[in-house]
PDB file of all heavy atoms in Angstrom:
ATOM      1  N   ASN A   1      -1.219  -3.974  22.796  1.00  0.00           N
ATOM      2  CA  ASN A   1       0.028  -3.194  22.965  1.00  0.00           C
ATOM      3  C   ASN A   1       0.230  -2.346  21.688  1.00  0.00           C
ATOM      4  O   ASN A   1       0.298  -1.104  21.774  1.00  0.00           O
ATOM      5  CB  ASN A   1       1.217  -4.093  23.180  1.00  0.00           C
ATOM      6  CG  ASN A   1       1.339  -4.652  24.533  1.00  0.00           C
ATOM      7  OD1 ASN A   1       0.334  -5.053  25.151  1.00  0.00           O
ATOM      8  ND2 ASN A   1       2.520  -4.660  25.117  1.00  0.00           N
ATOM      9  N   ASP A   2       0.454  -2.997  20.579  1.00  0.00           N
ATOM     10  CA  ASP A   2       0.874  -2.338  19.348  1.00  0.00           C
ATOM     11  C   ASP A   2      -0.259  -1.991  18.437  1.00  0.00           C
ATOM     12  O   ASP A   2      -0.125  -1.122  17.516  1.00  0.00           O
ATOM     13  CB  ASP A   2       1.898  -3.192  18.590  1.00  0.00           C
ATOM     14  CG  ASP A   2       3.019  -3.681  19.503  1.00  0.00           C
ATOM     15  OD1 ASP A   2       3.753  -2.849  20.005  1.00  0.00           O
ATOM     16  OD2 ASP A   2       3.100  -4.927  19.719  1.00  0.00           O
ATOM     17  N   ILE A   3      -1.355  -2.647  18.578  1.00  0.00           N
ATOM     18  CA  ILE A   3      -2.592  -2.372  17.734  1.00  0.00           C
ATOM     19  C   ILE A   3      -3.825  -2.450  18.570  1.00  0.00           C
ATOM     20  O   ILE A   3      -3.880  -3.244  19.544  1.00  0.00           O
ATOM     21  CB  ILE A   3      -2.680  -3.336  16.557  1.00  0.00           C
ATOM     22  CG1 ILE A   3      -2.586  -4.779  17.031  1.00  0.00           C
ATOM     23  CG2 ILE A   3      -1.624  -3.034  15.495  1.00  0.00           C
ATOM     24  CD1 ILE A   3      -2.807  -5.796  15.918  1.00  0.00           C
ATOM     25  N   ASP A   4      -4.828  -1.642  18.244  1.00  0.00           N
ATOM     26  CA  ASP A   4      -6.061  -1.602  18.946  1.00  0.00           C
ATOM     27  C   ASP A   4      -7.094  -0.882  18.038  1.00  0.00           C
ATOM     28  O   ASP A   4      -6.867  -0.557  16.891  1.00  0.00           O
ATOM     29  CB  ASP A   4      -5.961  -0.969  20.325  1.00  0.00           C
ATOM     30  CG  ASP A   4      -5.388   0.440  20.243  1.00  0.00           C
ATOM     31  OD1 ASP A   4      -5.569   1.151  19.221  1.00  0.00           O
ATOM     32  OD2 ASP A   4      -4.710   0.818  21.242  1.00  0.00           O
ATOM     33  N   GLU A   5      -8.265  -0.589  18.587  1.00  0.00           N
ATOM     34  CA  GLU A   5      -9.327  -0.015  17.819  1.00  0.00           C
ATOM     35  C   GLU A   5      -9.074   1.472  17.484  1.00  0.00           C
ATOM     36  O   GLU A   5      -9.788   2.073  16.697  1.00  0.00           O
ATOM     37  CB  GLU A   5     -10.678  -0.098  18.518  1.00  0.00           C
ATOM     38  CG  GLU A   5     -11.148  -1.592  18.559  1.00  0.00           C
ATOM     39  CD  GLU A   5     -12.626  -1.717  19.060  1.00  0.00           C
ATOM     40  OE1 GLU A   5     -13.372  -0.787  18.896  1.00  0.00           O
ATOM     41  OE2 GLU A   5     -12.922  -2.836  19.578  1.00  0.00           O
ATOM     42  N   GLN A   6      -8.038   2.079  18.123  1.00  0.00           N
ATOM     43  CA  GLN A   6      -7.686   3.401  17.799  1.00  0.00           C
ATOM     44  C   GLN A   6      -6.526   3.461  16.831  1.00  0.00           C
ATOM     45  O   GLN A   6      -5.961   4.528  16.533  1.00  0.00           O
ATOM     46  CB  GLN A   6      -7.328   4.211  19.038  1.00  0.00           C
ATOM     47  CG  GLN A   6      -8.510   4.636  19.882  1.00  0.00           C
ATOM     48  CD  GLN A   6      -9.250   3.497  20.541  1.00  0.00           C
ATOM     49  OE1 GLN A   6      -8.650   2.665  21.236  1.00  0.00           O
ATOM     50  NE2 GLN A   6     -10.564   3.389  20.286  1.00  0.00           N
ATOM     51  N   THR A   7      -6.114   2.301  16.329  1.00  0.00           N
ATOM     52  CA  THR A   7      -4.920   2.218  15.427  1.00  0.00           C
ATOM     53  C   THR A   7      -5.361   1.675  14.067  1.00  0.00           C
ATOM     54  O   THR A   7      -6.055   0.697  14.000  1.00  0.00           O
ATOM     55  CB  THR A   7      -3.899   1.279  16.044  1.00  0.00           C
ATOM     56  OG1 THR A   7      -3.592   1.690  17.372  1.00  0.00           O
ATOM     57  CG2 THR A   7      -2.648   1.227  15.188  1.00  0.00           C
ATOM     58  N   SER A   8      -4.941   2.362  13.019  1.00  0.00           N
ATOM     59  CA  SER A   8      -5.196   1.955  11.649  1.00  0.00           C
ATOM     60  C   SER A   8      -4.056   1.001  11.163  1.00  0.00           C
ATOM     61  O   SER A   8      -2.918   1.128  11.608  1.00  0.00           O
ATOM     62  CB  SER A   8      -5.275   3.140  10.703  1.00  0.00           C
ATOM     63  OG  SER A   8      -5.194   2.759   9.358  1.00  0.00           O
ATOM     64  N   PRO A   9      -4.414   0.090  10.257  1.00  0.00           N
ATOM     65  CA  PRO A   9      -3.350  -0.719   9.678  1.00  0.00           C
ATOM     66  C   PRO A   9      -2.258   0.086   8.976  1.00  0.00           C
ATOM     67  O   PRO A   9      -1.122  -0.355   8.882  1.00  0.00           O
ATOM     68  CB  PRO A   9      -4.109  -1.580   8.616  1.00  0.00           C
ATOM     69  CG  PRO A   9      -5.466  -1.623   9.123  1.00  0.00           C
ATOM     70  CD  PRO A   9      -5.767  -0.289   9.790  1.00  0.00           C
ATOM     71  N   VAL A  10      -2.664   1.277   8.503  1.00  0.00           N
ATOM     72  CA  VAL A  10      -1.701   2.193   7.863  1.00  0.00           C
ATOM     73  C   VAL A  10      -0.668   2.666   8.895  1.00  0.00           C
ATOM     74  O   VAL A  10       0.543   2.682   8.654  1.00  0.00           O
ATOM     75  CB  VAL A  10      -2.388   3.363   7.198  1.00  0.00           C
ATOM     76  CG1 VAL A  10      -1.349   4.300   6.532  1.00  0.00           C
ATOM     77  CG2 VAL A  10      -3.405   2.844   6.187  1.00  0.00           C
ATOM     78  N   GLU A  11      -1.128   3.052  10.056  1.00  0.00           N
ATOM     79  CA  GLU A  11      -0.262   3.519  11.136  1.00  0.00           C
ATOM     80  C   GLU A  11       0.628   2.389  11.594  1.00  0.00           C
ATOM     81  O   GLU A  11       1.788   2.572  11.946  1.00  0.00           O
ATOM     82  CB  GLU A  11      -1.086   4.021  12.317  1.00  0.00           C
ATOM     83  CG  GLU A  11      -1.840   5.304  11.968  1.00  0.00           C
ATOM     84  CD  GLU A  11      -2.845   5.716  13.073  1.00  0.00           C
ATOM     85  OE1 GLU A  11      -3.500   4.827  13.686  1.00  0.00           O
ATOM     86  OE2 GLU A  11      -2.910   6.913  13.387  1.00  0.00           O
ATOM     87  N   ALA A  12       0.025   1.187  11.698  1.00  0.00           N
ATOM     88  CA  ALA A  12       0.752   0.001  12.213  1.00  0.00           C
ATOM     89  C   ALA A  12       1.684  -0.631  11.219  1.00  0.00           C
ATOM     90  O   ALA A  12       2.435  -1.476  11.537  1.00  0.00           O
ATOM     91  CB  ALA A  12      -0.252  -1.065  12.676  1.00  0.00           C
ATOM     92  N   ARG A  13       1.664  -0.120  10.007  1.00  0.00           N
ATOM     93  CA  ARG A  13       2.445  -0.649   8.869  1.00  0.00           C
ATOM     94  C   ARG A  13       2.233  -2.126   8.667  1.00  0.00           C
ATOM     95  O   ARG A  13       3.185  -2.877   8.454  1.00  0.00           O
ATOM     96  CB  ARG A  13       3.954  -0.358   9.164  1.00  0.00           C
ATOM     97  CG  ARG A  13       4.306   1.111   9.056  1.00  0.00           C
ATOM     98  CD  ARG A  13       5.763   1.410   9.396  1.00  0.00           C
ATOM     99  NE  ARG A  13       6.176   2.732   8.995  1.00  0.00           N
ATOM    100  CZ  ARG A  13       7.379   3.275   9.290  1.00  0.00           C
ATOM    101  NH1 ARG A  13       8.217   2.585  10.008  1.00  0.00           N
ATOM    102  NH2 ARG A  13       7.661   4.469   8.880  1.00  0.00           N
ATOM    103  N   ILE A  14       0.933  -2.514   8.663  1.00  0.00           N
ATOM    104  CA  ILE A  14       0.571  -3.936   8.363  1.00  0.00           C
ATOM    105  C   ILE A  14      -0.397  -3.933   7.226  1.00  0.00           C
ATOM    106  O   ILE A  14      -1.324  -4.793   7.193  1.00  0.00           O
ATOM    107  CB  ILE A  14       0.051  -4.648   9.588  1.00  0.00           C
ATOM    108  CG1 ILE A  14      -1.071  -3.865  10.296  1.00  0.00           C
ATOM    109  CG2 ILE A  14       1.181  -4.946  10.576  1.00  0.00           C
ATOM    110  CD1 ILE A  14      -1.700  -4.641  11.444  1.00  0.00           C
ATOM    111  N   THR A  15      -0.274  -3.041   6.281  1.00  0.00           N
ATOM    112  CA  THR A  15      -1.151  -3.018   5.111  1.00  0.00           C
ATOM    113  C   THR A  15      -0.943  -4.194   4.182  1.00  0.00           C
ATOM    114  O   THR A  15      -1.740  -4.400   3.193  1.00  0.00           O
ATOM    115  CB  THR A  15      -1.060  -1.723   4.348  1.00  0.00           C
ATOM    116  OG1 THR A  15       0.355  -1.514   3.985  1.00  0.00           O
ATOM    117  CG2 THR A  15      -1.581  -0.550   5.118  1.00  0.00           C
ATOM    118  N   PHE A  16       0.071  -5.023   4.417  1.00  0.00           N
ATOM    119  CA  PHE A  16       0.206  -6.217   3.660  1.00  0.00           C
ATOM    120  C   PHE A  16      -0.991  -7.151   3.885  1.00  0.00           C
ATOM    121  O   PHE A  16      -1.254  -8.083   3.030  1.00  0.00           O
ATOM    122  CB  PHE A  16       1.501  -7.020   4.011  1.00  0.00           C
ATOM    123  CG  PHE A  16       1.553  -7.478   5.381  1.00  0.00           C
ATOM    124  CD1 PHE A  16       1.092  -8.718   5.778  1.00  0.00           C
ATOM    125  CD2 PHE A  16       2.124  -6.680   6.408  1.00  0.00           C
ATOM    126  CE1 PHE A  16       1.096  -9.194   7.113  1.00  0.00           C
ATOM    127  CE2 PHE A  16       2.216  -7.155   7.730  1.00  0.00           C
ATOM    128  CZ  PHE A  16       1.666  -8.371   8.064  1.00  0.00           C
ATOM    129  N   ALA A  17      -1.695  -7.031   5.007  1.00  0.00           N
ATOM    130  CA  ALA A  17      -2.883  -7.832   5.290  1.00  0.00           C
ATOM    131  C   ALA A  17      -4.146  -7.139   4.830  1.00  0.00           C
ATOM    132  O   ALA A  17      -5.230  -7.615   5.147  1.00  0.00           O
ATOM    133  CB  ALA A  17      -2.956  -8.066   6.815  1.00  0.00           C
ATOM    134  N   VAL A  18      -4.042  -6.037   4.084  1.00  0.00           N
ATOM    135  CA  VAL A  18      -5.234  -5.328   3.603  1.00  0.00           C
ATOM    136  C   VAL A  18      -5.249  -5.328   2.051  1.00  0.00           C
ATOM    137  O   VAL A  18      -4.247  -4.920   1.444  1.00  0.00           O
ATOM    138  CB  VAL A  18      -5.170  -3.867   4.078  1.00  0.00           C
ATOM    139  CG1 VAL A  18      -6.445  -3.122   3.550  1.00  0.00           C
ATOM    140  CG2 VAL A  18      -5.173  -3.830   5.635  1.00  0.00           C
ATOM    141  N   ARG A  19      -6.307  -5.794   1.476  1.00  0.00           N
ATOM    142  CA  ARG A  19      -6.431  -5.805   0.025  1.00  0.00           C
ATOM    143  C   ARG A  19      -7.487  -4.756  -0.420  1.00  0.00           C
ATOM    144  O   ARG A  19      -8.670  -5.116  -0.527  1.00  0.00           O
ATOM    145  CB  ARG A  19      -6.852  -7.226  -0.455  1.00  0.00           C
ATOM    146  CG  ARG A  19      -5.821  -8.299  -0.222  1.00  0.00           C
ATOM    147  CD  ARG A  19      -4.555  -8.084  -1.068  1.00  0.00           C
ATOM    148  NE  ARG A  19      -3.509  -9.109  -0.799  1.00  0.00           N
ATOM    149  CZ  ARG A  19      -2.550  -9.009   0.036  1.00  0.00           C
ATOM    150  NH1 ARG A  19      -2.443  -7.872   0.737  1.00  0.00           N
ATOM    151  NH2 ARG A  19      -1.680  -9.935   0.221  1.00  0.00           N
ATOM    152  N   LEU A  20      -7.040  -3.585  -0.601  1.00  0.00           N
ATOM    153  CA  LEU A  20      -7.959  -2.518  -0.942  1.00  0.00           C
ATOM    154  C   LEU A  20      -8.619  -2.713  -2.291  1.00  0.00           C
ATOM    155  O   LEU A  20      -9.703  -2.185  -2.566  1.00  0.00           O
ATOM    156  CB  LEU A  20      -7.212  -1.147  -0.934  1.00  0.00           C
ATOM    157  CG  LEU A  20      -6.813  -0.676   0.470  1.00  0.00           C
ATOM    158  CD1 LEU A  20      -5.848   0.529   0.336  1.00  0.00           C
ATOM    159  CD2 LEU A  20      -8.001  -0.280   1.367  1.00  0.00           C
ATOM    160  N   ASN A  21      -7.971  -3.469  -3.151  1.00  0.00           N
ATOM    161  CA  ASN A  21      -8.506  -3.686  -4.465  1.00  0.00           C
ATOM    162  C   ASN A  21      -9.277  -4.962  -4.702  1.00  0.00           C
ATOM    163  O   ASN A  21      -9.568  -5.399  -5.824  1.00  0.00           O
ATOM    164  CB  ASN A  21      -7.385  -3.633  -5.523  1.00  0.00           C
ATOM    165  CG  ASN A  21      -6.312  -4.686  -5.286  1.00  0.00           C
ATOM    166  OD1 ASN A  21      -6.306  -5.366  -4.242  1.00  0.00           O
ATOM    167  ND2 ASN A  21      -5.417  -4.864  -6.230  1.00  0.00           N
ATOM    168  N   LYS A  22      -9.514  -5.675  -3.579  1.00  0.00           N
ATOM    169  CA  LYS A  22     -10.272  -6.935  -3.747  1.00  0.00           C
ATOM    170  C   LYS A  22     -11.712  -6.699  -4.139  1.00  0.00           C
ATOM    171  O   LYS A  22     -12.237  -5.629  -3.948  1.00  0.00           O
ATOM    172  CB  LYS A  22     -10.235  -7.749  -2.399  1.00  0.00           C
ATOM    173  CG  LYS A  22     -11.038  -7.235  -1.301  1.00  0.00           C
ATOM    174  CD  LYS A  22     -10.950  -8.269  -0.117  1.00  0.00           C
ATOM    175  CE  LYS A  22     -11.764  -7.726   1.157  1.00  0.00           C
ATOM    176  NZ  LYS A  22     -11.722  -8.748   2.254  1.00  0.00           N
ATOM    177  N   LYS A  23     -12.332  -7.670  -4.745  1.00  0.00           N
ATOM    178  CA  LYS A  23     -13.603  -7.531  -5.402  1.00  0.00           C
ATOM    179  C   LYS A  23     -14.722  -7.185  -4.321  1.00  0.00           C
ATOM    180  O   LYS A  23     -15.552  -6.282  -4.582  1.00  0.00           O
ATOM    181  CB  LYS A  23     -14.027  -8.837  -6.093  1.00  0.00           C
ATOM    182  CG  LYS A  23     -15.362  -8.799  -6.794  1.00  0.00           C
ATOM    183  CD  LYS A  23     -15.660 -10.117  -7.495  1.00  0.00           C
ATOM    184  CE  LYS A  23     -16.981 -10.076  -8.192  1.00  0.00           C
ATOM    185  NZ  LYS A  23     -17.282 -11.342  -8.865  1.00  0.00           N
ATOM    186  N   ASN A  24     -14.680  -7.801  -3.197  1.00  0.00           N
ATOM    187  CA  ASN A  24     -15.658  -7.549  -2.171  1.00  0.00           C
ATOM    188  C   ASN A  24     -15.313  -6.339  -1.345  1.00  0.00           C
ATOM    189  O   ASN A  24     -14.135  -6.193  -0.889  1.00  0.00           O
ATOM    190  CB  ASN A  24     -15.820  -8.772  -1.263  1.00  0.00           C
ATOM    191  CG  ASN A  24     -16.395  -9.972  -1.953  1.00  0.00           C
ATOM    192  OD1 ASN A  24     -15.721 -10.545  -2.863  1.00  0.00           O
ATOM    193  ND2 ASN A  24     -17.511 -10.445  -1.541  1.00  0.00           N
ATOM    194  N   ASP A  25     -16.264  -5.474  -1.105  1.00  0.00           N
ATOM    195  CA  ASP A  25     -16.072  -4.346  -0.196  1.00  0.00           C
ATOM    196  C   ASP A  25     -15.962  -4.895   1.245  1.00  0.00           C
ATOM    197  O   ASP A  25     -16.493  -5.978   1.546  1.00  0.00           O
ATOM    198  CB  ASP A  25     -17.224  -3.359  -0.246  1.00  0.00           C
ATOM    199  CG  ASP A  25     -16.906  -2.038   0.409  1.00  0.00           C
ATOM    200  OD1 ASP A  25     -15.754  -1.796   0.669  1.00  0.00           O
ATOM    201  OD2 ASP A  25     -17.833  -1.297   0.704  1.00  0.00           O
ATOM    202  N   PHE A  26     -15.247  -4.179   2.093  1.00  0.00           N
ATOM    203  CA  PHE A  26     -15.130  -4.663   3.493  1.00  0.00           C
ATOM    204  C   PHE A  26     -15.236  -3.489   4.451  1.00  0.00           C
ATOM    205  O   PHE A  26     -14.980  -2.304   4.104  1.00  0.00           O
ATOM    206  CB  PHE A  26     -13.783  -5.444   3.704  1.00  0.00           C
ATOM    207  CG  PHE A  26     -12.536  -4.605   3.485  1.00  0.00           C
ATOM    208  CD1 PHE A  26     -11.988  -3.898   4.495  1.00  0.00           C
ATOM    209  CD2 PHE A  26     -11.940  -4.612   2.251  1.00  0.00           C
ATOM    210  CE1 PHE A  26     -10.848  -3.148   4.307  1.00  0.00           C
ATOM    211  CE2 PHE A  26     -10.759  -3.868   2.049  1.00  0.00           C
ATOM    212  CZ  PHE A  26     -10.218  -3.173   3.098  1.00  0.00           C
ATOM    213  N   ILE A  27     -15.592  -3.821   5.678  1.00  0.00           N
ATOM    214  CA  ILE A  27     -15.778  -2.817   6.697  1.00  0.00           C
ATOM    215  C   ILE A  27     -14.443  -2.127   6.983  1.00  0.00           C
ATOM    216  O   ILE A  27     -13.480  -2.785   7.337  1.00  0.00           O
ATOM    217  CB  ILE A  27     -16.370  -3.421   7.991  1.00  0.00           C
ATOM    218  CG1 ILE A  27     -17.779  -3.976   7.653  1.00  0.00           C
ATOM    219  CG2 ILE A  27     -16.421  -2.398   9.120  1.00  0.00           C
ATOM    220  CD1 ILE A  27     -18.420  -4.733   8.852  1.00  0.00           C
ATOM    221  N   GLY A  28     -14.436  -0.815   6.913  1.00  0.00           N
ATOM    222  CA  GLY A  28     -13.230  -0.010   7.176  1.00  0.00           C
ATOM    223  C   GLY A  28     -12.426   0.340   5.919  1.00  0.00           C
ATOM    224  O   GLY A  28     -11.463   1.133   6.056  1.00  0.00           O
ATOM    225  N   ARG A  29     -12.823  -0.143   4.793  1.00  0.00           N
ATOM    226  CA  ARG A  29     -12.062   0.067   3.550  1.00  0.00           C
ATOM    227  C   ARG A  29     -11.884   1.520   3.221  1.00  0.00           C
ATOM    228  O   ARG A  29     -10.765   2.005   2.955  1.00  0.00           O
ATOM    229  CB  ARG A  29     -12.755  -0.685   2.403  1.00  0.00           C
ATOM    230  CG  ARG A  29     -12.043  -0.535   1.083  1.00  0.00           C
ATOM    231  CD  ARG A  29     -12.838  -1.285   0.027  1.00  0.00           C
ATOM    232  NE  ARG A  29     -12.075  -1.458  -1.225  1.00  0.00           N
ATOM    233  CZ  ARG A  29     -12.429  -2.342  -2.161  1.00  0.00           C
ATOM    234  NH1 ARG A  29     -13.557  -3.030  -2.008  1.00  0.00           N
ATOM    235  NH2 ARG A  29     -11.725  -2.460  -3.252  1.00  0.00           N
ATOM    236  N   GLU A  30     -12.953   2.303   3.277  1.00  0.00           N
ATOM    237  CA  GLU A  30     -12.936   3.700   2.849  1.00  0.00           C
ATOM    238  C   GLU A  30     -12.021   4.469   3.816  1.00  0.00           C
ATOM    239  O   GLU A  30     -11.217   5.370   3.334  1.00  0.00           O
ATOM    240  CB  GLU A  30     -14.352   4.331   2.908  1.00  0.00           C
ATOM    241  CG  GLU A  30     -14.379   5.746   2.431  1.00  0.00           C
ATOM    242  CD  GLU A  30     -15.832   6.300   2.433  1.00  0.00           C
ATOM    243  OE1 GLU A  30     -16.768   5.481   2.397  1.00  0.00           O
ATOM    244  OE2 GLU A  30     -15.996   7.506   2.348  1.00  0.00           O
ATOM    245  N   SER A  31     -12.095   4.242   5.110  1.00  0.00           N
ATOM    246  CA  SER A  31     -11.234   4.968   6.048  1.00  0.00           C
ATOM    247  C   SER A  31      -9.740   4.612   5.878  1.00  0.00           C
ATOM    248  O   SER A  31      -8.908   5.491   5.984  1.00  0.00           O
ATOM    249  CB  SER A  31     -11.713   4.666   7.487  1.00  0.00           C
ATOM    250  OG  SER A  31     -13.030   5.049   7.713  1.00  0.00           O
ATOM    251  N   ILE A  32      -9.447   3.327   5.629  1.00  0.00           N
ATOM    252  CA  ILE A  32      -8.107   2.891   5.505  1.00  0.00           C
ATOM    253  C   ILE A  32      -7.528   3.497   4.171  1.00  0.00           C
ATOM    254  O   ILE A  32      -6.403   3.996   4.171  1.00  0.00           O
ATOM    255  CB  ILE A  32      -7.980   1.353   5.436  1.00  0.00           C
ATOM    256  CG1 ILE A  32      -8.404   0.809   6.785  1.00  0.00           C
ATOM    257  CG2 ILE A  32      -6.590   0.942   5.029  1.00  0.00           C
ATOM    258  CD1 ILE A  32      -8.545  -0.737   6.830  1.00  0.00           C
ATOM    259  N   GLN A  33      -8.308   3.493   3.114  1.00  0.00           N
ATOM    260  CA  GLN A  33      -7.885   4.075   1.867  1.00  0.00           C
ATOM    261  C   GLN A  33      -7.606   5.536   2.012  1.00  0.00           C
ATOM    262  O   GLN A  33      -6.540   6.068   1.479  1.00  0.00           O
ATOM    263  CB  GLN A  33      -8.965   3.858   0.788  1.00  0.00           C
ATOM    264  CG  GLN A  33      -8.679   4.516  -0.552  1.00  0.00           C
ATOM    265  CD  GLN A  33      -7.636   3.690  -1.339  1.00  0.00           C
ATOM    266  OE1 GLN A  33      -7.834   2.541  -1.616  1.00  0.00           O
ATOM    267  NE2 GLN A  33      -6.537   4.343  -1.670  1.00  0.00           N
ATOM    268  N   LYS A  34      -8.449   6.296   2.723  1.00  0.00           N
ATOM    269  CA  LYS A  34      -8.251   7.684   2.884  1.00  0.00           C
ATOM    270  C   LYS A  34      -6.982   8.012   3.668  1.00  0.00           C
ATOM    271  O   LYS A  34      -6.224   8.917   3.282  1.00  0.00           O
ATOM    272  CB  LYS A  34      -9.464   8.288   3.625  1.00  0.00           C
ATOM    273  CG  LYS A  34      -9.436   9.819   3.795  1.00  0.00           C
ATOM    274  CD  LYS A  34     -10.658  10.293   4.519  1.00  0.00           C
ATOM    275  CE  LYS A  34     -10.576  11.840   4.741  1.00  0.00           C
ATOM    276  NZ  LYS A  34     -11.823  12.372   5.425  1.00  0.00           N
ATOM    277  N   LEU A  35      -6.770   7.280   4.771  1.00  0.00           N
ATOM    278  CA  LEU A  35      -5.521   7.545   5.512  1.00  0.00           C
ATOM    279  C   LEU A  35      -4.274   7.194   4.771  1.00  0.00           C
ATOM    280  O   LEU A  35      -3.281   7.859   4.850  1.00  0.00           O
ATOM    281  CB  LEU A  35      -5.568   6.730   6.851  1.00  0.00           C
ATOM    282  CG  LEU A  35      -4.417   7.015   7.817  1.00  0.00           C
ATOM    283  CD1 LEU A  35      -4.436   8.480   8.256  1.00  0.00           C
ATOM    284  CD2 LEU A  35      -4.592   6.102   9.076  1.00  0.00           C
ATOM    285  N   LYS A  36      -4.351   6.159   3.952  1.00  0.00           N
ATOM    286  CA  LYS A  36      -3.201   5.804   3.114  1.00  0.00           C
ATOM    287  C   LYS A  36      -2.854   6.897   2.149  1.00  0.00           C
ATOM    288  O   LYS A  36      -1.706   7.221   1.907  1.00  0.00           O
ATOM    289  CB  LYS A  36      -3.497   4.486   2.371  1.00  0.00           C
ATOM    290  CG  LYS A  36      -2.312   3.940   1.614  1.00  0.00           C
ATOM    291  CD  LYS A  36      -2.614   2.643   0.952  1.00  0.00           C
ATOM    292  CE  LYS A  36      -1.398   2.127   0.164  1.00  0.00           C
ATOM    293  NZ  LYS A  36      -1.683   0.830  -0.523  1.00  0.00           N
ATOM    294  N   GLU A  37      -3.902   7.510   1.555  1.00  0.00           N
ATOM    295  CA  GLU A  37      -3.674   8.563   0.581  1.00  0.00           C
ATOM    296  C   GLU A  37      -3.169   9.802   1.276  1.00  0.00           C
ATOM    297  O   GLU A  37      -2.326  10.551   0.706  1.00  0.00           O
ATOM    298  CB  GLU A  37      -4.948   8.824  -0.187  1.00  0.00           C
ATOM    299  CG  GLU A  37      -5.412   7.684  -1.079  1.00  0.00           C
ATOM    300  CD  GLU A  37      -6.780   7.844  -1.648  1.00  0.00           C
ATOM    301  OE1 GLU A  37      -7.449   8.842  -1.247  1.00  0.00           O
ATOM    302  OE2 GLU A  37      -7.197   7.054  -2.486  1.00  0.00           O
ATOM    303  N   GLU A  38      -3.741  10.213   2.423  1.00  0.00           N
ATOM    304  CA  GLU A  38      -3.389  11.435   3.126  1.00  0.00           C
ATOM    305  C   GLU A  38      -2.068  11.311   3.829  1.00  0.00           C
ATOM    306  O   GLU A  38      -1.369  12.279   4.045  1.00  0.00           O
ATOM    307  CB  GLU A  38      -4.488  11.853   4.111  1.00  0.00           C
ATOM    308  CG  GLU A  38      -5.816  12.172   3.440  1.00  0.00           C
ATOM    309  CD  GLU A  38      -6.897  12.532   4.419  1.00  0.00           C
ATOM    310  OE1 GLU A  38      -6.668  12.255   5.622  1.00  0.00           O
ATOM    311  OE2 GLU A  38      -7.932  13.060   3.990  1.00  0.00           O
ATOM    312  N   GLY A  39      -1.754  10.099   4.339  1.00  0.00           N
ATOM    313  CA  GLY A  39      -0.565   9.898   5.124  1.00  0.00           C
ATOM    314  C   GLY A  39      -0.883   9.981   6.664  1.00  0.00           C
ATOM    315  O   GLY A  39      -1.527  10.898   7.046  1.00  0.00           O
ATOM    316  N   PRO A  40      -0.400   9.049   7.406  1.00  0.00           N
ATOM    317  CA  PRO A  40      -0.673   9.045   8.901  1.00  0.00           C
ATOM    318  C   PRO A  40       0.190  10.062   9.631  1.00  0.00           C
ATOM    319  O   PRO A  40       1.249  10.460   9.142  1.00  0.00           O
ATOM    320  CB  PRO A  40      -0.362   7.611   9.327  1.00  0.00           C
ATOM    321  CG  PRO A  40       0.758   7.246   8.364  1.00  0.00           C
ATOM    322  CD  PRO A  40       0.391   7.892   7.060  1.00  0.00           C
ATOM    323  N   SER A  41      -0.283  10.509  10.763  1.00  0.00           N
ATOM    324  CA  SER A  41       0.498  11.388  11.568  1.00  0.00           C
ATOM    325  C   SER A  41       1.399  10.656  12.504  1.00  0.00           C
ATOM    326  O   SER A  41       2.284  11.333  13.196  1.00  0.00           O
ATOM    327  CB  SER A  41      -0.482  12.297  12.409  1.00  0.00           C
ATOM    328  OG  SER A  41      -1.272  11.501  13.325  1.00  0.00           O
ATOM    329  N   ARG A  42       1.330   9.409  12.624  1.00  0.00           N
ATOM    330  CA  ARG A  42       2.210   8.584  13.456  1.00  0.00           C
ATOM    331  C   ARG A  42       2.312   7.232  12.782  1.00  0.00           C
ATOM    332  O   ARG A  42       1.411   6.752  12.043  1.00  0.00           O
ATOM    333  CB  ARG A  42       1.688   8.403  14.863  1.00  0.00           C
ATOM    334  CG  ARG A  42       0.310   7.701  14.901  1.00  0.00           C
ATOM    335  CD  ARG A  42      -0.104   7.346  16.296  1.00  0.00           C
ATOM    336  NE  ARG A  42      -1.271   6.417  16.284  1.00  0.00           N
ATOM    337  CZ  ARG A  42      -1.530   5.543  17.208  1.00  0.00           C
ATOM    338  NH1 ARG A  42      -0.718   5.422  18.306  1.00  0.00           N
ATOM    339  NH2 ARG A  42      -2.544   4.717  17.123  1.00  0.00           N
ATOM    340  N   VAL A  43       3.457   6.513  12.997  1.00  0.00           N
ATOM    341  CA  VAL A  43       3.641   5.167  12.412  1.00  0.00           C
ATOM    342  C   VAL A  43       4.388   4.292  13.413  1.00  0.00           C
ATOM    343  O   VAL A  43       5.123   4.810  14.298  1.00  0.00           O
ATOM    344  CB  VAL A  43       4.501   5.240  11.110  1.00  0.00           C
ATOM    345  CG1 VAL A  43       3.692   5.879  10.020  1.00  0.00           C
ATOM    346  CG2 VAL A  43       5.809   5.984  11.336  1.00  0.00           C
ATOM    347  N   ARG A  44       4.155   3.019  13.287  1.00  0.00           N
ATOM    348  CA  ARG A  44       4.871   2.033  14.183  1.00  0.00           C
ATOM    349  C   ARG A  44       6.348   2.025  13.783  1.00  0.00           C
ATOM    350  O   ARG A  44       6.647   1.888  12.586  1.00  0.00           O
ATOM    351  CB  ARG A  44       4.273   0.657  14.044  1.00  0.00           C
ATOM    352  CG  ARG A  44       4.911  -0.413  14.936  1.00  0.00           C
ATOM    353  CD  ARG A  44       4.079  -1.646  14.957  1.00  0.00           C
ATOM    354  NE  ARG A  44       3.979  -2.277  13.636  1.00  0.00           N
ATOM    355  CZ  ARG A  44       4.716  -3.276  13.207  1.00  0.00           C
ATOM    356  NH1 ARG A  44       5.639  -3.761  13.938  1.00  0.00           N
ATOM    357  NH2 ARG A  44       4.515  -3.766  12.007  1.00  0.00           N
ATOM    358  N   THR A  45       7.187   2.124  14.777  1.00  0.00           N
ATOM    359  CA  THR A  45       8.631   2.329  14.561  1.00  0.00           C
ATOM    360  C   THR A  45       9.381   1.302  15.402  1.00  0.00           C
ATOM    361  O   THR A  45       9.155   1.190  16.610  1.00  0.00           O
ATOM    362  CB  THR A  45       9.027   3.772  14.893  1.00  0.00           C
ATOM    363  OG1 THR A  45       8.231   4.684  14.133  1.00  0.00           O
ATOM    364  CG2 THR A  45      10.475   4.014  14.641  1.00  0.00           C
TER     365      THR A  45
END
C-alpha cells in the first residue's frame, strides 16, 4: 500500500531505518543518498 519497489525510504519518510554512514556499504545506498540530497518529488503525507 504505502511502500513498494517503486518507493524510496526518502519518499516514504522512513529514513530513520537507513544508516547511510554505517561502516558496511549496502544495496541501494548510493541511490538513497542521491535522492536525499536532491529532494524527492513526492512524499508520504
